[in-house]
Amino acid sequence: MGRSSLLGRTLRSLHCSFVIVEQYYYIALDVLSLSFPLAASFERRLFFRSKWPGLFLGTLVMAVIFLAWDVAFTSLGVWGFNPRYVIGVYFLGMPIEEWLFFLFIPYSCMFLYEVMRHFVIKEVLGQVARPLSFMIIVLLIVVGVLNWDRLYTTITFISTALLLAYHLSISKAEWLGRFYVGYAISLVPFLLVNGILTGWLLPEPIVWYNDNENLGLRINTIPIEDPVYLMMMMLIILPFYERYAKRDITHAR
């Protein structure tokens, strides 16, 4: 009887410890996503730190837009967060981990963009950037309009299309070719992190989605809309980032 009681207490203790560890899953993903890019930011060839002014300004603009959007969509039940995997600190209805996501993930993506920018000097997609952009704009608008009743799909697709159209036709961004290469590279770690957030390798998703508000199409566990919002995120940050990066090149000369 004593051994059985001891075993029961041990199992309960192990269960409680496991539950406590689970609460750190989302914040651990945030920190791990940032750790290597931040540590490598002082590498002499890239010297990513010198790009911080443009990166931080662009991230601030993006975060104001995306976090307001995130708060609204959370309150409307477009998506939500599993209390099993967060530490329990909330602000405006969202866990602190979600706020950190929109600071740490852009940093990591832009670090990868700078690595690409440094080592891939040739404009690989320069010649096809404009027609490719036009096709993406048309596709996003068509899908967004045809799914007007799906809030996440409509707002994500149409907003991204309009922003891309602005860069293509009004600002006439010279960096669109580089952007597509950097975006493709950033998709790899982004899909890995978002895959875990949406339930890949876990018993339950950290972030759940209401499929009535999206297309219901998934890349593994990730809604197809998520890679589109990554595109929009980078398209907001890049004009600020490229402006400062161009200054660095000019001063270096």
Protein backbone atom coordinates (compact mmCIF):
# COMPACT_ATOMS: atom_id res chain seq x y z
CA MET A 1 0.00 0.00 0.00
CA GLY A 2 2.89 2.33 0.84
CA ARG A 3 4.68 1.55 -2.43
CA SER A 4 1.49 2.12 -4.43
CA SER A 5 0.94 5.48 -2.75
CA LEU A 6 4.57 6.48 -3.38
CA LEU A 7 4.28 5.49 -7.04
CA GLY A 8 1.07 7.50 -7.37
CA ARG A 9 2.66 10.60 -5.87
CA THR A 10 5.68 10.19 -8.16
CA LEU A 11 3.53 9.89 -11.26
CA ARG A 12 1.47 12.92 -10.25
CA SER A 13 4.67 14.88 -9.66
CA LEU A 14 6.03 13.89 -13.07
CA HIS A 15 2.73 14.87 -14.70
CA CYS A 16 2.79 18.29 -13.01
CA SER A 17 6.40 18.82 -14.09
CA PHE A 18 5.52 17.91 -17.68
CA VAL A 19 2.56 20.32 -17.64
CA ILE A 20 4.84 23.10 -16.41
CA VAL A 21 7.33 22.37 -19.19
CA GLU A 22 4.52 22.43 -21.78
CA GLN A 23 3.61 25.95 -20.75
CA TYR A 24 6.97 27.13 -22.10
CA TYR A 25 6.62 25.60 -25.58
CA TYR A 26 5.47 28.76 -27.38
CA ILE A 27 7.96 31.09 -25.70
CA ALA A 28 10.73 28.55 -26.31
CA LEU A 29 9.89 28.60 -30.03
CA ASP A 30 10.09 32.40 -29.99
CA VAL A 31 13.46 32.43 -28.26
CA LEU A 32 14.95 29.65 -30.39
CA SER A 33 13.82 31.44 -33.56
CA LEU A 34 15.71 34.54 -32.48
CA SER A 35 18.78 33.00 -30.84
CA PHE A 36 21.00 32.13 -33.82
CA PRO A 37 20.19 35.21 -35.97
CA LEU A 38 20.84 37.47 -32.98
CA ALA A 39 24.11 35.74 -32.12
CA ALA A 40 25.23 35.95 -35.76
CA SER A 41 24.27 39.62 -36.12
CA PHE A 42 27.79 40.71 -35.20
CA GLU A 43 29.52 38.51 -37.80
CA ARG A 44 32.00 40.77 -39.58
CA ARG A 45 31.09 40.05 -43.18
CA LEU A 46 27.37 40.62 -42.73
CA PHE A 47 27.52 42.99 -39.74
CA PHE A 48 23.76 42.72 -39.59
CA ARG A 49 23.74 45.06 -36.60
CA SER A 50 24.41 47.99 -38.92
CA LYS A 51 21.02 47.31 -40.60
CA TRP A 52 19.12 47.54 -37.31
CA PRO A 53 17.76 51.10 -37.81
CA GLY A 54 15.88 50.14 -40.98
CA LEU A 55 14.92 46.75 -39.61
CA PHE A 56 13.55 48.10 -36.33
CA LEU A 57 11.65 50.94 -37.99
CA GLY A 58 10.09 48.57 -40.52
CA THR A 59 9.29 46.03 -37.81
CA LEU A 60 7.63 48.72 -35.70
CA VAL A 61 5.36 49.74 -38.59
CA MET A 62 4.58 46.11 -39.37
CA ALA A 63 3.94 45.23 -35.71
CA VAL A 64 1.46 48.08 -35.23
CA ILE A 65 -0.55 46.78 -38.21
CA PHE A 66 -0.25 43.06 -37.52
CA LEU A 67 -0.78 43.17 -33.77
CA ALA A 68 -3.92 45.29 -34.15
CA TRP A 69 -5.11 42.79 -36.74
CA ASP A 70 -4.16 39.91 -34.43
CA VAL A 71 -6.07 41.37 -31.48
CA ALA A 72 -9.16 41.87 -33.65
CA PHE A 73 -9.05 38.37 -35.15
CA THR A 74 -8.50 36.79 -31.74
CA SER A 75 -11.53 38.59 -30.33
CA LEU A 76 -13.61 37.47 -33.34
CA GLY A 77 -12.57 33.84 -32.94
CA VAL A 78 -10.70 33.64 -36.26
CA TRP A 79 -7.92 31.98 -34.28
CA GLY A 80 -6.99 31.45 -30.64
CA PHE A 81 -4.32 30.11 -28.31
CA ASN A 82 -4.12 26.89 -26.34
CA PRO A 83 -3.55 27.68 -22.63
CA ARG A 84 -1.71 24.36 -22.35
CA TYR A 85 1.34 25.80 -24.14
CA VAL A 86 1.58 29.41 -22.92
CA ILE A 87 2.85 30.83 -19.64
CA GLY A 88 -0.42 32.63 -18.93
CA VAL A 89 0.56 36.28 -19.32
CA TYR A 90 -2.02 38.02 -21.55
CA PHE A 91 -2.35 41.52 -22.98
CA LEU A 92 -5.43 42.60 -24.95
CA GLY A 93 -6.58 39.00 -25.05
CA MET A 94 -3.35 37.59 -26.53
CA PRO A 95 -0.54 35.71 -24.75
CA ILE A 96 2.80 37.50 -24.44
CA GLU A 97 4.28 34.83 -26.71
CA GLU A 98 2.17 36.07 -29.62
CA TRP A 99 3.42 39.63 -29.13
CA LEU A 100 7.01 38.37 -29.14
CA PHE A 101 6.32 36.33 -32.29
CA PHE A 102 5.83 39.52 -34.29
CA LEU A 103 9.14 40.89 -33.07
CA PHE A 104 11.35 37.81 -33.16
CA ILE A 105 10.17 36.11 -36.37
CA PRO A 106 10.62 39.24 -38.57
CA TYR A 107 14.14 39.62 -37.17
CA SER A 108 14.96 36.04 -38.13
CA CYS A 109 13.42 36.36 -41.60
CA MET A 110 15.25 39.60 -42.33
CA PHE A 111 18.52 38.07 -41.13
CA LEU A 112 18.06 35.31 -43.70
CA TYR A 113 17.22 37.96 -46.29
CA GLU A 114 20.48 39.77 -45.51
CA VAL A 115 22.47 36.53 -45.79
CA MET A 116 20.91 36.00 -49.22
CA ARG A 117 21.54 39.65 -50.12
CA HIS A 118 25.20 39.33 -49.18
CA PHE A 119 26.00 36.06 -50.92
CA VAL A 120 23.64 36.17 -53.92
CA ILE A 121 24.90 39.33 -55.60
CA LYS A 122 23.34 38.67 -58.99
CA GLU A 123 19.69 39.65 -59.42
CA VAL A 124 18.52 36.09 -60.01
CA LEU A 125 14.84 36.96 -60.49
CA GLY A 126 15.27 40.55 -61.62
CA GLN A 127 13.92 39.90 -65.13
CA VAL A 128 10.85 38.01 -63.99
CA ALA A 129 10.01 40.03 -60.86
CA ARG A 130 7.43 42.26 -62.55
CA PRO A 131 5.45 39.57 -64.43
CA LEU A 132 5.67 37.28 -61.40
CA SER A 133 4.35 40.07 -59.17
CA PHE A 134 1.49 40.75 -61.57
CA MET A 135 0.46 37.09 -61.59
CA ILE A 136 0.58 36.90 -57.78
CA ILE A 137 -1.52 40.08 -57.49
CA VAL A 138 -4.20 38.73 -59.81
CA LEU A 139 -4.27 35.34 -58.10
CA LEU A 140 -4.54 36.84 -54.60
CA ILE A 141 -7.32 39.24 -55.59
CA VAL A 142 -9.34 36.55 -57.37
CA VAL A 143 -9.10 34.12 -54.43
CA GLY A 144 -9.80 36.91 -51.93
CA VAL A 145 -12.90 38.13 -53.76
CA LEU A 146 -14.27 34.64 -54.37
CA ASN A 147 -13.98 33.88 -50.65
CA TRP A 148 -15.44 37.12 -49.35
CA ASP A 149 -17.16 35.31 -46.49
CA ARG A 150 -13.86 33.95 -45.13
CA LEU A 151 -12.36 36.76 -43.06
CA TYR A 152 -8.76 35.52 -42.77
CA THR A 153 -8.54 34.64 -46.46
CA THR A 154 -10.09 37.84 -47.78
CA ILE A 155 -8.16 40.32 -45.66
CA THR A 156 -4.82 38.51 -46.00
CA PHE A 157 -5.00 37.92 -49.75
CA ILE A 158 -6.39 41.29 -50.80
CA SER A 159 -4.17 43.31 -48.43
CA THR A 160 -1.07 41.50 -49.68
CA ALA A 161 -2.13 42.00 -53.30
CA LEU A 162 -2.67 45.75 -52.80
CA LEU A 163 0.66 46.16 -51.02
CA LEU A 164 2.49 44.25 -53.75
CA ALA A 165 0.70 46.33 -56.42
CA TYR A 166 1.89 49.48 -54.65
CA HIS A 167 5.51 48.31 -54.72
CA LEU A 168 5.16 47.24 -58.34
CA SER A 169 3.39 50.27 -59.81
CA ILE A 170 3.80 53.26 -57.48
CA SER A 171 7.04 52.92 -55.51
CA LYS A 172 8.55 50.87 -58.36
CA ALA A 173 10.68 48.89 -55.91
CA GLU A 174 13.99 47.77 -57.37
CA TRP A 175 14.34 44.98 -54.85
CA LEU A 176 11.40 42.75 -55.83
CA GLY A 177 13.65 40.17 -57.46
CA ARG A 178 15.74 39.91 -54.28
CA PHE A 179 12.58 39.82 -52.22
CA TYR A 180 11.26 36.68 -53.91
CA VAL A 181 14.54 34.82 -53.34
CA GLY A 182 14.67 35.95 -49.70
CA TYR A 183 11.01 35.10 -49.21
CA ALA A 184 11.54 31.57 -50.54
CA ILE A 185 14.46 31.06 -48.14
CA SER A 186 12.50 32.46 -45.18
CA LEU A 187 9.61 30.10 -45.90
CA VAL A 188 11.66 27.09 -44.76
CA PRO A 189 12.14 28.07 -41.08
CA PHE A 190 8.80 29.90 -41.05
CA LEU A 191 6.93 26.76 -42.07
CA LEU A 192 8.86 24.75 -39.50
CA VAL A 193 7.97 27.12 -36.64
CA ASN A 194 4.37 27.58 -37.80
CA GLY A 195 4.05 23.85 -38.28
CA ILE A 196 4.82 23.28 -34.61
CA LEU A 197 2.54 26.15 -33.60
CA THR A 198 -0.35 24.61 -35.53
CA GLY A 199 0.07 21.13 -34.07
CA TRP A 200 2.80 19.33 -35.98
CA LEU A 201 4.66 17.03 -33.53
CA LEU A 202 2.33 18.03 -30.68
CA PRO A 203 -0.84 16.42 -29.27
CA GLU A 204 -2.71 19.72 -29.73
CA PRO A 205 -2.00 22.94 -31.65
CA ILE A 206 -0.52 25.89 -29.80
CA VAL A 207 -2.44 28.22 -32.14
CA TRP A 208 -5.79 26.97 -33.43
CA TYR A 209 -7.67 28.31 -36.46
CA ASN A 210 -11.38 28.52 -37.21
CA ASP A 211 -11.60 26.88 -40.64
CA ASN A 212 -14.83 28.74 -41.37
CA GLU A 213 -12.67 31.86 -41.75
CA ASN A 214 -10.01 30.38 -44.04
CA LEU A 215 -9.85 28.19 -47.13
CA GLY A 216 -9.36 25.01 -45.14
CA LEU A 217 -6.29 24.18 -47.21
CA ARG A 218 -3.21 23.25 -45.20
CA ILE A 219 0.50 22.80 -45.81
CA ASN A 220 0.87 19.94 -43.36
CA THR A 221 -0.89 21.64 -40.41
CA ILE A 222 -0.44 25.25 -41.59
CA PRO A 223 -3.30 27.21 -43.19
CA ILE A 224 -2.39 28.28 -46.73
CA GLU A 225 -3.01 31.88 -45.67
CA ASP A 226 -0.01 31.91 -43.31
CA PRO A 227 2.69 32.00 -46.04
CA VAL A 228 0.74 34.88 -47.62
CA TYR A 229 0.81 36.90 -44.40
CA LEU A 230 4.58 36.25 -44.24
CA MET A 231 4.83 37.82 -47.69
CA MET A 232 2.84 40.83 -46.50
CA MET A 233 4.96 41.10 -43.36
CA MET A 234 8.19 41.21 -45.35
CA LEU A 235 6.74 43.63 -47.92
CA ILE A 236 6.01 46.10 -45.10
CA ILE A 237 9.48 45.86 -43.55
CA LEU A 238 11.58 45.77 -46.72
CA PRO A 239 11.20 49.39 -47.93
CA PHE A 240 12.63 50.64 -44.63
CA TYR A 241 15.28 47.94 -44.53
CA GLU A 242 16.43 48.43 -48.12
CA ARG A 243 16.67 52.19 -47.66
CA TYR A 244 19.14 51.81 -44.80
CA ALA A 245 20.97 48.93 -46.48
CA LYS A 246 21.46 51.09 -49.59
CA ARG A 247 22.89 53.87 -47.41
CA ASP A 248 25.43 51.40 -46.00
CA ILE A 249 26.56 50.45 -49.48
CA THR A 250 26.86 54.11 -50.50
CA HIS A 251 28.89 55.00 -47.40
CA ALA A 252 31.13 51.94 -47.89
CA ARG A 253 32.03 53.22 -51.32
